[in-house]
């Protein structure tokens, strides 16, 4: 996946806590620094997704309101050495 190719995770129609749970599960399979776009209709996602990013160390690159949904771009945190 090149820098301009951002995978989209369509979570529209899912209610809290599923958007965060699915996002967390999807990010586990990605390399550090990878970016994904999340699309969700859950009104609580505007609170839950930024909170999830802060708690897990991911960077919330953008959060945009769109017609009928919200879109977030998240960059996966760099893995910490033990």
N, C-alpha and C. Protein backbone atom coordinates (compact mmCIF):
# COMPACT_ATOMS: atom_id res chain seq x y z
N UNK A 1 0.84 -1.18 0.00
CA UNK A 1 0.00 0.00 0.00
C UNK A 1 0.88 1.23 0.00
N UNK A 2 0.73 2.08 -0.98
CA UNK A 2 1.54 3.29 -1.04
C UNK A 2 0.95 4.36 -0.15
N UNK A 3 1.67 5.46 0.04
CA UNK A 3 1.24 6.53 0.91
C UNK A 3 -0.09 7.14 0.52
N UNK A 4 -0.42 7.10 -0.78
CA UNK A 4 -1.67 7.70 -1.22
C UNK A 4 -2.84 6.71 -1.15
N UNK A 5 -2.55 5.44 -0.99
CA UNK A 5 -3.60 4.42 -0.89
C UNK A 5 -3.96 4.22 0.57
N UNK A 6 -5.16 4.67 0.93
CA UNK A 6 -5.64 4.49 2.29
C UNK A 6 -6.84 3.57 2.23
N UNK A 7 -6.75 2.46 2.93
CA UNK A 7 -7.83 1.49 2.98
C UNK A 7 -9.01 2.09 3.74
N UNK A 8 -10.22 1.87 3.25
CA UNK A 8 -11.42 2.37 3.92
C UNK A 8 -12.12 1.22 4.62
N UNK A 9 -12.45 1.45 5.88
CA UNK A 9 -13.20 0.49 6.68
C UNK A 9 -14.61 1.05 6.83
N UNK A 10 -15.58 0.41 6.17
CA UNK A 10 -16.96 0.88 6.17
C UNK A 10 -17.68 0.32 7.39
N UNK A 11 -17.90 1.18 8.37
CA UNK A 11 -18.56 0.77 9.61
C UNK A 11 -19.93 1.43 9.75
N UNK A 12 -20.46 1.93 8.63
CA UNK A 12 -21.77 2.57 8.66
C UNK A 12 -22.83 1.56 9.07
N UNK A 13 -23.75 2.01 9.90
CA UNK A 13 -24.83 1.15 10.38
C UNK A 13 -24.52 0.46 11.70
N UNK A 14 -23.26 0.45 12.12
CA UNK A 14 -22.89 -0.18 13.39
C UNK A 14 -23.01 0.83 14.52
N UNK A 15 -23.46 0.36 15.67
CA UNK A 15 -23.62 1.21 16.85
C UNK A 15 -22.53 0.90 17.87
N UNK A 16 -22.29 1.88 18.74
CA UNK A 16 -21.32 1.79 19.82
C UNK A 16 -21.54 0.49 20.59
N UNK A 17 -20.51 -0.25 20.88
CA UNK A 17 -19.07 0.02 20.73
C UNK A 17 -18.44 -0.61 19.49
N UNK A 18 -19.27 -1.12 18.57
CA UNK A 18 -18.72 -1.87 17.44
C UNK A 18 -17.76 -1.10 16.55
N UNK A 19 -17.99 0.19 16.24
CA UNK A 19 -16.99 0.87 15.40
C UNK A 19 -15.58 0.87 16.00
N UNK A 20 -15.48 1.11 17.29
CA UNK A 20 -14.16 1.10 17.94
C UNK A 20 -13.59 -0.31 17.99
N UNK A 21 -14.40 -1.28 18.32
CA UNK A 21 -13.92 -2.66 18.41
C UNK A 21 -13.42 -3.16 17.05
N UNK A 22 -14.16 -2.87 16.00
CA UNK A 22 -13.74 -3.30 14.66
C UNK A 22 -12.49 -2.55 14.20
N UNK A 23 -12.40 -1.27 14.55
CA UNK A 23 -11.22 -0.48 14.19
C UNK A 23 -9.99 -1.05 14.89
N UNK A 24 -10.11 -1.32 16.18
CA UNK A 24 -8.99 -1.88 16.95
C UNK A 24 -8.54 -3.20 16.34
N UNK A 25 -9.49 -4.08 16.03
CA UNK A 25 -9.16 -5.39 15.46
C UNK A 25 -8.46 -5.22 14.10
N UNK A 26 -8.94 -4.31 13.28
CA UNK A 26 -8.35 -4.10 11.96
C UNK A 26 -6.92 -3.55 12.07
N UNK A 27 -6.71 -2.62 12.99
CA UNK A 27 -5.38 -2.02 13.15
C UNK A 27 -4.35 -3.03 13.60
N UNK A 28 -4.75 -4.06 14.33
CA UNK A 28 -3.80 -5.08 14.80
C UNK A 28 -3.05 -5.73 13.64
N UNK A 29 -3.72 -5.85 12.50
CA UNK A 29 -3.11 -6.52 11.36
C UNK A 29 -2.29 -5.61 10.46
N UNK A 30 -2.17 -4.34 10.82
CA UNK A 30 -1.45 -3.38 9.99
C UNK A 30 -0.08 -3.05 10.56
N UNK A 31 0.81 -2.60 9.70
CA UNK A 31 2.14 -2.19 10.13
C UNK A 31 2.07 -0.82 10.81
N UNK A 32 3.01 -0.55 11.68
CA UNK A 32 3.10 0.76 12.32
C UNK A 32 3.20 1.83 11.25
N UNK A 33 2.48 2.92 11.44
CA UNK A 33 2.49 4.03 10.49
C UNK A 33 1.47 3.90 9.37
N UNK A 34 0.83 2.74 9.25
CA UNK A 34 -0.20 2.56 8.22
C UNK A 34 -1.41 3.42 8.56
N UNK A 35 -2.10 3.87 7.53
CA UNK A 35 -3.28 4.71 7.73
C UNK A 35 -4.52 4.01 7.20
N UNK A 36 -5.62 4.18 7.92
CA UNK A 36 -6.90 3.68 7.46
C UNK A 36 -7.93 4.79 7.60
N UNK A 37 -8.95 4.71 6.75
CA UNK A 37 -10.07 5.65 6.80
C UNK A 37 -11.26 4.87 7.36
N UNK A 38 -11.90 5.44 8.36
CA UNK A 38 -13.07 4.85 8.99
C UNK A 38 -14.28 5.67 8.60
N UNK A 39 -15.34 5.02 8.16
CA UNK A 39 -16.61 5.71 7.90
C UNK A 39 -17.67 5.10 8.80
N UNK A 40 -18.38 5.94 9.55
CA UNK A 40 -19.37 5.45 10.50
C UNK A 40 -20.55 6.41 10.60
N UNK A 41 -21.71 5.84 10.87
CA UNK A 41 -22.93 6.63 11.09
C UNK A 41 -23.25 6.75 12.56
N UNK A 42 -22.49 6.09 13.42
CA UNK A 42 -22.74 6.14 14.86
C UNK A 42 -22.45 7.55 15.38
N UNK A 43 -23.46 8.24 15.94
CA UNK A 43 -23.23 9.61 16.40
C UNK A 43 -22.21 9.70 17.55
N UNK A 44 -22.03 8.62 18.29
CA UNK A 44 -21.06 8.63 19.39
C UNK A 44 -19.62 8.46 18.90
N UNK A 45 -19.43 8.14 17.64
CA UNK A 45 -18.08 7.94 17.10
C UNK A 45 -17.25 9.21 17.20
N UNK A 46 -17.88 10.38 17.16
CA UNK A 46 -17.11 11.63 17.25
C UNK A 46 -16.44 11.76 18.61
N UNK A 47 -16.93 11.04 19.60
CA UNK A 47 -16.30 10.99 20.92
C UNK A 47 -15.43 9.75 21.04
N UNK A 48 -15.99 8.61 20.63
CA UNK A 48 -15.33 7.32 20.84
C UNK A 48 -14.05 7.13 20.03
N UNK A 49 -14.04 7.51 18.76
CA UNK A 49 -12.86 7.28 17.91
C UNK A 49 -11.67 8.12 18.39
N UNK A 50 -11.84 9.44 18.64
CA UNK A 50 -10.71 10.20 19.17
C UNK A 50 -10.21 9.66 20.52
N UNK A 51 -11.14 9.25 21.38
CA UNK A 51 -10.75 8.70 22.68
C UNK A 51 -9.95 7.40 22.49
N UNK A 52 -10.42 6.54 21.61
CA UNK A 52 -9.72 5.30 21.30
C UNK A 52 -8.29 5.58 20.82
N UNK A 53 -8.15 6.57 19.93
CA UNK A 53 -6.82 6.91 19.41
C UNK A 53 -5.90 7.39 20.53
N UNK A 54 -6.40 8.26 21.40
CA UNK A 54 -5.57 8.75 22.53
C UNK A 54 -5.17 7.60 23.45
N UNK A 55 -6.12 6.73 23.78
CA UNK A 55 -5.85 5.63 24.71
C UNK A 55 -4.85 4.62 24.14
N UNK A 56 -4.94 4.34 22.85
CA UNK A 56 -4.07 3.32 22.24
C UNK A 56 -2.83 3.90 21.58
N UNK A 57 -2.70 5.23 21.55
CA UNK A 57 -1.50 5.87 21.02
C UNK A 57 -1.50 6.10 19.52
N UNK A 58 -2.63 5.87 18.87
CA UNK A 58 -2.72 6.11 17.43
C UNK A 58 -2.92 7.61 17.18
N UNK A 59 -2.58 8.05 15.98
CA UNK A 59 -2.77 9.46 15.63
C UNK A 59 -4.06 9.61 14.84
N UNK A 60 -4.94 10.49 15.31
CA UNK A 60 -6.13 10.84 14.55
C UNK A 60 -5.72 11.93 13.58
N UNK A 61 -5.57 11.58 12.33
CA UNK A 61 -5.08 12.50 11.30
C UNK A 61 -6.16 13.49 10.91
N UNK A 62 -7.39 13.00 10.75
CA UNK A 62 -8.49 13.89 10.41
C UNK A 62 -9.82 13.29 10.86
N UNK A 63 -10.76 14.19 11.09
CA UNK A 63 -12.14 13.81 11.44
C UNK A 63 -13.05 14.76 10.68
N UNK A 64 -13.85 14.22 9.79
CA UNK A 64 -14.70 15.05 8.94
C UNK A 64 -16.15 14.60 9.00
N UNK A 65 -17.05 15.58 9.14
CA UNK A 65 -18.48 15.30 9.04
C UNK A 65 -18.84 15.28 7.57
N UNK A 66 -19.54 14.24 7.17
CA UNK A 66 -20.00 14.12 5.79
C UNK A 66 -21.52 13.96 5.84
N UNK A 67 -22.15 13.96 4.69
CA UNK A 67 -23.59 13.81 4.67
C UNK A 67 -23.98 12.43 5.20
N UNK A 68 -24.59 12.42 6.38
CA UNK A 68 -25.07 11.17 6.97
C UNK A 68 -24.05 10.33 7.69
N UNK A 69 -22.80 10.76 7.73
CA UNK A 69 -21.80 9.96 8.44
C UNK A 69 -20.59 10.82 8.81
N UNK A 70 -19.65 10.20 9.50
CA UNK A 70 -18.38 10.82 9.84
C UNK A 70 -17.27 9.96 9.25
N UNK A 71 -16.19 10.61 8.86
CA UNK A 71 -15.03 9.90 8.34
C UNK A 71 -13.81 10.30 9.16
N UNK A 72 -13.02 9.31 9.52
CA UNK A 72 -11.81 9.52 10.32
C UNK A 72 -10.64 8.86 9.60
N UNK A 73 -9.49 9.52 9.61
CA UNK A 73 -8.26 8.88 9.14
C UNK A 73 -7.37 8.69 10.36
N UNK A 74 -6.95 7.45 10.54
CA UNK A 74 -6.14 7.07 11.70
C UNK A 74 -4.82 6.50 11.23
N UNK A 75 -3.74 6.94 11.88
CA UNK A 75 -2.42 6.38 11.61
C UNK A 75 -2.04 5.50 12.79
N UNK A 76 -1.71 4.25 12.48
CA UNK A 76 -1.38 3.30 13.54
C UNK A 76 -0.12 3.72 14.28
N UNK A 77 -0.15 3.57 15.57
CA UNK A 77 0.99 3.93 16.43
C UNK A 77 2.21 3.08 16.09
N UNK A 78 3.36 3.67 16.31
CA UNK A 78 4.62 2.93 16.13
C UNK A 78 4.74 1.97 17.30
N UNK A 79 5.08 0.74 17.00
CA UNK A 79 5.22 -0.29 18.03
C UNK A 79 6.33 0.10 19.00
N UNK A 80 6.05 -0.10 20.29
CA UNK A 80 7.04 0.21 21.33
C UNK A 80 7.91 -1.02 21.56
N UNK A 81 9.20 -0.80 21.71
CA UNK A 81 10.13 -1.88 22.02
C UNK A 81 10.02 -2.23 23.49
N UNK A 82 10.03 -3.51 23.77
CA UNK A 82 9.92 -3.96 25.17
C UNK A 82 11.24 -3.89 25.88
